[in-house]
Amino acid sequence: PLVISWPRRIKPDKTPRPQFHHVNDIAPTVFDILNITPPRIVNGVEQEPLDGVSMVYSFDDATAKGQKQTQYFEIMGSRGV
């Protein structure tokens, strides 16, 4: 579970959001909220693209269609889709 509180932007409601999201969606959400483009290079190292999707679309619409098509998991050599 994840709880997001942002009183100046999100109107409180008690409707759970059914869209699937994962921890890798937090950074894209923060970048989206702050209107920041993720850096392409950090300390001379080219960065890989972010895997996640922003959750902002669900803030105002509990019934919005989920934007995540596929989720890949990997831990200690075990993988799942």
PDB file of N, CA and C in Angstrom:
ATOM      1  N   PRO A   1       0.823  -1.204   0.000  1.00  0.00           N
ATOM      2  CA  PRO A   1       0.000   0.000   0.000  1.00  0.00           C
ATOM      3  C   PRO A   1       0.861   1.259   0.000  1.00  0.00           C
ATOM      4  N   LEU A   2       0.305   2.297  -0.551  1.00  0.00           N
ATOM      5  CA  LEU A   2       0.983   3.590  -0.595  1.00  0.00           C
ATOM      6  C   LEU A   2      -0.050   4.670  -0.316  1.00  0.00           C
ATOM      7  N   VAL A   3       0.306   5.618   0.527  1.00  0.00           N
ATOM      8  CA  VAL A   3      -0.555   6.755   0.812  1.00  0.00           C
ATOM      9  C   VAL A   3       0.161   8.006   0.346  1.00  0.00           C
ATOM     10  N   ILE A   4      -0.529   8.814  -0.429  1.00  0.00           N
ATOM     11  CA  ILE A   4       0.036  10.077  -0.895  1.00  0.00           C
ATOM     12  C   ILE A   4      -0.848  11.195  -0.369  1.00  0.00           C
ATOM     13  N   SER A   5      -0.240  12.141   0.309  1.00  0.00           N
ATOM     14  CA  SER A   5      -0.974  13.290   0.812  1.00  0.00           C
ATOM     15  C   SER A   5      -0.337  14.546   0.240  1.00  0.00           C
ATOM     16  N   TRP A   6      -1.161  15.377  -0.388  1.00  0.00           N
ATOM     17  CA  TRP A   6      -0.692  16.628  -0.957  1.00  0.00           C
ATOM     18  C   TRP A   6      -1.880  17.584  -0.936  1.00  0.00           C
ATOM     19  N   PRO A   7      -2.177  18.141   0.250  1.00  0.00           N
ATOM     20  CA  PRO A   7      -3.389  18.941   0.436  1.00  0.00           C
ATOM     21  C   PRO A   7      -3.569  20.082  -0.560  1.00  0.00           C
ATOM     22  N   ARG A   8      -2.507  20.700  -1.020  1.00  0.00           N
ATOM     23  CA  ARG A   8      -2.645  21.819  -1.962  1.00  0.00           C
ATOM     24  C   ARG A   8      -3.016  21.360  -3.370  1.00  0.00           C
ATOM     25  N   ARG A   9      -2.807  20.115  -3.662  1.00  0.00           N
ATOM     26  CA  ARG A   9      -3.040  19.623  -5.034  1.00  0.00           C
ATOM     27  C   ARG A   9      -4.093  18.517  -5.122  1.00  0.00           C
ATOM     28  N   ILE A  10      -4.122  17.610  -4.147  1.00  0.00           N
ATOM     29  CA  ILE A  10      -5.017  16.462  -4.206  1.00  0.00           C
ATOM     30  C   ILE A  10      -6.171  16.677  -3.239  1.00  0.00           C
ATOM     31  N   LYS A  11      -7.387  16.643  -3.793  1.00  0.00           N
ATOM     32  CA  LYS A  11      -8.558  16.745  -2.930  1.00  0.00           C
ATOM     33  C   LYS A  11      -8.767  15.399  -2.253  1.00  0.00           C
ATOM     34  N   PRO A  12      -8.879  15.386  -0.923  1.00  0.00           N
ATOM     35  CA  PRO A  12      -9.031  14.115  -0.222  1.00  0.00           C
ATOM     36  C   PRO A  12     -10.324  13.403  -0.601  1.00  0.00           C
ATOM     37  N   ASP A  13     -10.220  12.114  -0.792  1.00  0.00           N
ATOM     38  CA  ASP A  13     -11.393  11.264  -0.918  1.00  0.00           C
ATOM     39  C   ASP A  13     -11.012   9.890  -0.385  1.00  0.00           C
ATOM     40  N   LYS A  14     -11.986   9.085  -0.116  1.00  0.00           N
ATOM     41  CA  LYS A  14     -11.727   7.777   0.502  1.00  0.00           C
ATOM     42  C   LYS A  14     -11.753   6.645  -0.510  1.00  0.00           C
ATOM     43  N   THR A  15     -11.733   6.979  -1.790  1.00  0.00           N
ATOM     44  CA  THR A  15     -11.802   5.959  -2.827  1.00  0.00           C
ATOM     45  C   THR A  15     -10.430   5.352  -3.062  1.00  0.00           C
ATOM     46  N   PRO A  16     -10.272   4.043  -2.824  1.00  0.00           N
ATOM     47  CA  PRO A  16      -8.987   3.407  -3.120  1.00  0.00           C
ATOM     48  C   PRO A  16      -8.730   3.429  -4.624  1.00  0.00           C
ATOM     49  N   ARG A  17      -7.500   3.541  -4.979  1.00  0.00           N
ATOM     50  CA  ARG A  17      -7.117   3.538  -6.390  1.00  0.00           C
ATOM     51  C   ARG A  17      -6.779   2.102  -6.794  1.00  0.00           C
ATOM     52  N   PRO A  18      -7.450   1.550  -7.818  1.00  0.00           N
ATOM     53  CA  PRO A  18      -7.213   0.163  -8.216  1.00  0.00           C
ATOM     54  C   PRO A  18      -6.047  -0.009  -9.192  1.00  0.00           C
ATOM     55  N   GLN A  19      -5.480   1.087  -9.696  1.00  0.00           N
ATOM     56  CA  GLN A  19      -4.389   0.980 -10.663  1.00  0.00           C
ATOM     57  C   GLN A  19      -3.172   0.321 -10.003  1.00  0.00           C
ATOM     58  N   PHE A  20      -2.488  -0.528 -10.766  1.00  0.00           N
ATOM     59  CA  PHE A  20      -1.291  -1.186 -10.249  1.00  0.00           C
ATOM     60  C   PHE A  20      -0.091  -0.264 -10.411  1.00  0.00           C
ATOM     61  N   HIS A  21       0.647  -0.101  -9.326  1.00  0.00           N
ATOM     62  CA  HIS A  21       1.904   0.645  -9.372  1.00  0.00           C
ATOM     63  C   HIS A  21       2.908  -0.053  -8.478  1.00  0.00           C
ATOM     64  N   HIS A  22       4.166   0.300  -8.672  1.00  0.00           N
ATOM     65  CA  HIS A  22       5.258  -0.330  -7.932  1.00  0.00           C
ATOM     66  C   HIS A  22       6.222   0.764  -7.505  1.00  0.00           C
ATOM     67  N   VAL A  23       7.162   0.420  -6.662  1.00  0.00           N
ATOM     68  CA  VAL A  23       8.117   1.400  -6.129  1.00  0.00           C
ATOM     69  C   VAL A  23       8.861   2.140  -7.250  1.00  0.00           C
ATOM     70  N   ASN A  24       9.049   1.492  -8.400  1.00  0.00           N
ATOM     71  CA  ASN A  24       9.767   2.172  -9.485  1.00  0.00           C
ATOM     72  C   ASN A  24       8.940   3.286 -10.131  1.00  0.00           C
ATOM     73  N   ASP A  25       7.692   3.470  -9.694  1.00  0.00           N
ATOM     74  CA  ASP A  25       6.862   4.559 -10.199  1.00  0.00           C
ATOM     75  C   ASP A  25       6.972   5.832  -9.352  1.00  0.00           C
ATOM     76  N   ILE A  26       7.635   5.759  -8.225  1.00  0.00           N
ATOM     77  CA  ILE A  26       7.733   6.926  -7.336  1.00  0.00           C
ATOM     78  C   ILE A  26       8.599   8.025  -7.951  1.00  0.00           C
ATOM     79  N   ALA A  27       9.774   7.687  -8.456  1.00  0.00           N
ATOM     80  CA  ALA A  27      10.636   8.715  -9.054  1.00  0.00           C
ATOM     81  C   ALA A  27       9.964   9.393 -10.247  1.00  0.00           C
ATOM     82  N   PRO A  28       9.361   8.649 -11.199  1.00  0.00           N
ATOM     83  CA  PRO A  28       8.673   9.341 -12.297  1.00  0.00           C
ATOM     84  C   PRO A  28       7.541  10.245 -11.806  1.00  0.00           C
ATOM     85  N   THR A  29       6.880   9.854 -10.723  1.00  0.00           N
ATOM     86  CA  THR A  29       5.808  10.681 -10.161  1.00  0.00           C
ATOM     87  C   THR A  29       6.373  11.984  -9.598  1.00  0.00           C
ATOM     88  N   VAL A  30       7.474  11.902  -8.860  1.00  0.00           N
ATOM     89  CA  VAL A  30       8.099  13.099  -8.295  1.00  0.00           C
ATOM     90  C   VAL A  30       8.604  14.008  -9.412  1.00  0.00           C
ATOM     91  N   PHE A  31       9.259  13.445 -10.419  1.00  0.00           N
ATOM     92  CA  PHE A  31       9.717  14.256 -11.555  1.00  0.00           C
ATOM     93  C   PHE A  31       8.526  14.939 -12.230  1.00  0.00           C
ATOM     94  N   ASP A  32       7.425  14.216 -12.400  1.00  0.00           N
ATOM     95  CA  ASP A  32       6.231  14.766 -13.036  1.00  0.00           C
ATOM     96  C   ASP A  32       5.643  15.900 -12.198  1.00  0.00           C
ATOM     97  N   ILE A  33       5.501  15.692 -10.903  1.00  0.00           N
ATOM     98  CA  ILE A  33       4.943  16.710 -10.003  1.00  0.00           C
ATOM     99  C   ILE A  33       5.771  17.994 -10.048  1.00  0.00           C
ATOM    100  N   LEU A  34       7.088  17.833 -10.060  1.00  0.00           N
ATOM    101  CA  LEU A  34       7.985  18.989 -10.034  1.00  0.00           C
ATOM    102  C   LEU A  34       8.300  19.536 -11.419  1.00  0.00           C
ATOM    103  N   ASN A  35       7.742  18.874 -12.458  1.00  0.00           N
ATOM    104  CA  ASN A  35       7.982  19.278 -13.845  1.00  0.00           C
ATOM    105  C   ASN A  35       9.485  19.314 -14.159  1.00  0.00           C
ATOM    106  N   ILE A  36      10.157  18.230 -13.766  1.00  0.00           N
ATOM    107  CA  ILE A  36      11.603  18.101 -13.970  1.00  0.00           C
ATOM    108  C   ILE A  36      11.871  16.982 -14.966  1.00  0.00           C
ATOM    109  N   THR A  37      12.762  17.228 -15.892  1.00  0.00           N
ATOM    110  CA  THR A  37      13.221  16.175 -16.792  1.00  0.00           C
ATOM    111  C   THR A  37      14.374  15.457 -16.096  1.00  0.00           C
ATOM    112  N   PRO A  38      14.305  14.131 -15.974  1.00  0.00           N
ATOM    113  CA  PRO A  38      15.403  13.412 -15.309  1.00  0.00           C
ATOM    114  C   PRO A  38      16.731  13.666 -16.022  1.00  0.00           C
ATOM    115  N   PRO A  39      17.811  13.754 -15.279  1.00  0.00           N
ATOM    116  CA  PRO A  39      19.110  14.015 -15.902  1.00  0.00           C
ATOM    117  C   PRO A  39      19.538  12.851 -16.801  1.00  0.00           C
ATOM    118  N   ARG A  40      20.137  13.173 -17.942  1.00  0.00           N
ATOM    119  CA  ARG A  40      20.636  12.133 -18.858  1.00  0.00           C
ATOM    120  C   ARG A  40      22.021  11.665 -18.448  1.00  0.00           C
ATOM    121  N   ILE A  41      22.781  12.574 -17.795  1.00  0.00           N
ATOM    122  CA  ILE A  41      24.139  12.246 -17.371  1.00  0.00           C
ATOM    123  C   ILE A  41      24.325  12.741 -15.941  1.00  0.00           C
ATOM    124  N   VAL A  42      24.865  11.885 -15.080  1.00  0.00           N
ATOM    125  CA  VAL A  42      25.156  12.250 -13.698  1.00  0.00           C
ATOM    126  C   VAL A  42      26.616  11.913 -13.423  1.00  0.00           C
ATOM    127  N   ASN A  43      27.396  12.929 -13.038  1.00  0.00           N
ATOM    128  CA  ASN A  43      28.832  12.753 -12.777  1.00  0.00           C
ATOM    129  C   ASN A  43      29.538  12.033 -13.929  1.00  0.00           C
ATOM    130  N   GLY A  44      29.167  12.392 -15.150  1.00  0.00           N
ATOM    131  CA  GLY A  44      29.798  11.826 -16.335  1.00  0.00           C
ATOM    132  C   GLY A  44      29.285  10.454 -16.735  1.00  0.00           C
ATOM    133  N   VAL A  45      28.302   9.930 -16.035  1.00  0.00           N
ATOM    134  CA  VAL A  45      27.765   8.603 -16.331  1.00  0.00           C
ATOM    135  C   VAL A  45      26.388   8.748 -16.966  1.00  0.00           C
ATOM    136  N   GLU A  46      26.230   8.205 -18.183  1.00  0.00           N
ATOM    137  CA  GLU A  46      24.938   8.247 -18.851  1.00  0.00           C
ATOM    138  C   GLU A  46      23.940   7.384 -18.080  1.00  0.00           C
ATOM    139  N   GLN A  47      22.762   7.936 -17.841  1.00  0.00           N
ATOM    140  CA  GLN A  47      21.742   7.250 -17.050  1.00  0.00           C
ATOM    141  C   GLN A  47      20.823   6.416 -17.937  1.00  0.00           C
ATOM    142  N   GLU A  48      20.372   5.292 -17.412  1.00  0.00           N
ATOM    143  CA  GLU A  48      19.404   4.472 -18.131  1.00  0.00           C
ATOM    144  C   GLU A  48      18.024   5.101 -17.965  1.00  0.00           C
ATOM    145  N   PRO A  49      17.141   4.876 -18.924  1.00  0.00           N
ATOM    146  CA  PRO A  49      15.789   5.443 -18.808  1.00  0.00           C
ATOM    147  C   PRO A  49      15.059   4.887 -17.586  1.00  0.00           C
ATOM    148  N   LEU A  50      14.159   5.682 -17.022  1.00  0.00           N
ATOM    149  CA  LEU A  50      13.359   5.226 -15.892  1.00  0.00           C
ATOM    150  C   LEU A  50      12.375   4.159 -16.368  1.00  0.00           C
ATOM    151  N   ASP A  51      12.165   3.147 -15.539  1.00  0.00           N
ATOM    152  CA  ASP A  51      11.241   2.068 -15.887  1.00  0.00           C
ATOM    153  C   ASP A  51       9.799   2.383 -15.519  1.00  0.00           C
ATOM    154  N   GLY A  52       9.581   3.225 -14.542  1.00  0.00           N
ATOM    155  CA  GLY A  52       8.246   3.447 -14.007  1.00  0.00           C
ATOM    156  C   GLY A  52       7.425   4.450 -14.791  1.00  0.00           C
ATOM    157  N   VAL A  53       6.173   4.594 -14.351  1.00  0.00           N
ATOM    158  CA  VAL A  53       5.270   5.594 -14.918  1.00  0.00           C
ATOM    159  C   VAL A  53       4.731   6.465 -13.785  1.00  0.00           C
ATOM    160  N   SER A  54       4.435   7.703 -14.113  1.00  0.00           N
ATOM    161  CA  SER A  54       3.909   8.636 -13.116  1.00  0.00           C
ATOM    162  C   SER A  54       2.514   8.211 -12.669  1.00  0.00           C
ATOM    163  N   MET A  55       2.247   8.403 -11.392  1.00  0.00           N
ATOM    164  CA  MET A  55       0.929   8.097 -10.829  1.00  0.00           C
ATOM    165  C   MET A  55       0.013   9.321 -10.799  1.00  0.00           C
ATOM    166  N   VAL A  56       0.494  10.464 -11.276  1.00  0.00           N
ATOM    167  CA  VAL A  56      -0.258  11.713 -11.177  1.00  0.00           C
ATOM    168  C   VAL A  56      -1.640  11.591 -11.817  1.00  0.00           C
ATOM    169  N   TYR A  57      -1.760  10.822 -12.890  1.00  0.00           N
ATOM    170  CA  TYR A  57      -3.042  10.695 -13.580  1.00  0.00           C
ATOM    171  C   TYR A  57      -4.147  10.161 -12.664  1.00  0.00           C
ATOM    172  N   SER A  58      -3.773   9.449 -11.615  1.00  0.00           N
ATOM    173  CA  SER A  58      -4.775   8.849 -10.720  1.00  0.00           C
ATOM    174  C   SER A  58      -5.143   9.763  -9.545  1.00  0.00           C
ATOM    175  N   PHE A  59      -4.458  10.876  -9.371  1.00  0.00           N
ATOM    176  CA  PHE A  59      -4.715  11.751  -8.226  1.00  0.00           C
ATOM    177  C   PHE A  59      -6.137  12.303  -8.222  1.00  0.00           C
ATOM    178  N   ASP A  60      -6.639  12.713  -9.378  1.00  0.00           N
ATOM    179  CA  ASP A  60      -7.956  13.336  -9.461  1.00  0.00           C
ATOM    180  C   ASP A  60      -9.043  12.393  -9.972  1.00  0.00           C
ATOM    181  N   ASP A  61      -8.666  11.192 -10.389  1.00  0.00           N
ATOM    182  CA  ASP A  61      -9.642  10.273 -10.972  1.00  0.00           C
ATOM    183  C   ASP A  61      -9.387   8.854 -10.483  1.00  0.00           C
ATOM    184  N   ALA A  62     -10.159   8.444  -9.495  1.00  0.00           N
ATOM    185  CA  ALA A  62      -9.980   7.108  -8.912  1.00  0.00           C
ATOM    186  C   ALA A  62     -10.250   6.009  -9.924  1.00  0.00           C
ATOM    187  N   THR A  63     -11.033   6.296 -10.949  1.00  0.00           N
ATOM    188  CA  THR A  63     -11.394   5.269 -11.923  1.00  0.00           C
ATOM    189  C   THR A  63     -10.573   5.355 -13.209  1.00  0.00           C
ATOM    190  N   ALA A  64      -9.537   6.197 -13.225  1.00  0.00           N
ATOM    191  CA  ALA A  64      -8.707   6.321 -14.424  1.00  0.00           C
ATOM    192  C   ALA A  64      -8.110   4.967 -14.798  1.00  0.00           C
ATOM    193  N   LYS A  65      -8.048   4.709 -16.087  1.00  0.00           N
ATOM    194  CA  LYS A  65      -7.454   3.465 -16.565  1.00  0.00           C
ATOM    195  C   LYS A  65      -5.962   3.465 -16.224  1.00  0.00           C
ATOM    196  N   GLY A  66      -5.476   2.358 -15.695  1.00  0.00           N
ATOM    197  CA  GLY A  66      -4.057   2.240 -15.364  1.00  0.00           C
ATOM    198  C   GLY A  66      -3.181   2.420 -16.588  1.00  0.00           C
ATOM    199  N   GLN A  67      -2.038   3.058 -16.418  1.00  0.00           N
ATOM    200  CA  GLN A  67      -1.145   3.330 -17.543  1.00  0.00           C
ATOM    201  C   GLN A  67       0.024   2.358 -17.613  1.00  0.00           C
ATOM    202  N   LYS A  68       0.114   1.466 -16.677  1.00  0.00           N
ATOM    203  CA  LYS A  68       1.209   0.496 -16.652  1.00  0.00           C
ATOM    204  C   LYS A  68       0.760  -0.738 -17.429  1.00  0.00           C
ATOM    205  N   GLN A  69       1.499  -1.082 -18.464  1.00  0.00           N
ATOM    206  CA  GLN A  69       1.142  -2.231 -19.296  1.00  0.00           C
ATOM    207  C   GLN A  69       1.751  -3.534 -18.782  1.00  0.00           C
ATOM    208  N   THR A  70       3.012  -3.468 -18.351  1.00  0.00           N
ATOM    209  CA  THR A  70       3.721  -4.659 -17.891  1.00  0.00           C
ATOM    210  C   THR A  70       4.600  -4.276 -16.720  1.00  0.00           C
ATOM    211  N   GLN A  71       4.707  -5.162 -15.741  1.00  0.00           N
ATOM    212  CA  GLN A  71       5.625  -4.939 -14.618  1.00  0.00           C
ATOM    213  C   GLN A  71       6.572  -6.119 -14.530  1.00  0.00           C
ATOM    214  N   TYR A  72       7.850  -5.819 -14.497  1.00  0.00           N
ATOM    215  CA  TYR A  72       8.906  -6.823 -14.405  1.00  0.00           C
ATOM    216  C   TYR A  72       9.500  -6.757 -13.009  1.00  0.00           C
ATOM    217  N   PHE A  73       9.663  -7.929 -12.390  1.00  0.00           N
ATOM    218  CA  PHE A  73      10.265  -8.005 -11.062  1.00  0.00           C
ATOM    219  C   PHE A  73      11.509  -8.878 -11.133  1.00  0.00           C
ATOM    220  N   GLU A  74      12.526  -8.511 -10.376  1.00  0.00           N
ATOM    221  CA  GLU A  74      13.723  -9.339 -10.305  1.00  0.00           C
ATOM    222  C   GLU A  74      14.339  -9.182  -8.932  1.00  0.00           C
ATOM    223  N   ILE A  75      14.671 -10.324  -8.305  1.00  0.00           N
ATOM    224  CA  ILE A  75      15.362 -10.298  -7.022  1.00  0.00           C
ATOM    225  C   ILE A  75      16.193 -11.563  -6.893  1.00  0.00           C
ATOM    226  N   MET A  76      17.466 -11.371  -6.684  1.00  0.00           N
ATOM    227  CA  MET A  76      18.411 -12.468  -6.458  1.00  0.00           C
ATOM    228  C   MET A  76      18.303 -13.573  -7.518  1.00  0.00           C
ATOM    229  N   GLY A  77      18.180 -13.179  -8.790  1.00  0.00           N
ATOM    230  CA  GLY A  77      18.139 -14.143  -9.874  1.00  0.00           C
ATOM    231  C   GLY A  77      16.757 -14.682 -10.195  1.00  0.00           C
ATOM    232  N   SER A  78      15.778 -14.404  -9.363  1.00  0.00           N
ATOM    233  CA  SER A  78      14.398 -14.822  -9.645  1.00  0.00           C
ATOM    234  C   SER A  78      13.699 -13.677 -10.341  1.00  0.00           C
ATOM    235  N   ARG A  79      12.986 -14.011 -11.397  1.00  0.00           N
ATOM    236  CA  ARG A  79      12.312 -12.977 -12.179  1.00  0.00           C
ATOM    237  C   ARG A  79      10.828 -13.308 -12.335  1.00  0.00           C
ATOM    238  N   GLY A  80      10.059 -12.277 -12.557  1.00  0.00           N
ATOM    239  CA  GLY A  80       8.638 -12.447 -12.800  1.00  0.00           C
ATOM    240  C   GLY A  80       8.084 -11.294 -13.587  1.00  0.00           C
ATOM    241  N   VAL A  81       7.029 -11.551 -14.336  1.00  0.00           N
ATOM    242  CA  VAL A  81       6.370 -10.510 -15.121  1.00  0.00           C
ATOM    243  C   VAL A  81       4.935 -10.429 -14.644  1.00  0.00           C
TER     244      VAL A  81
END
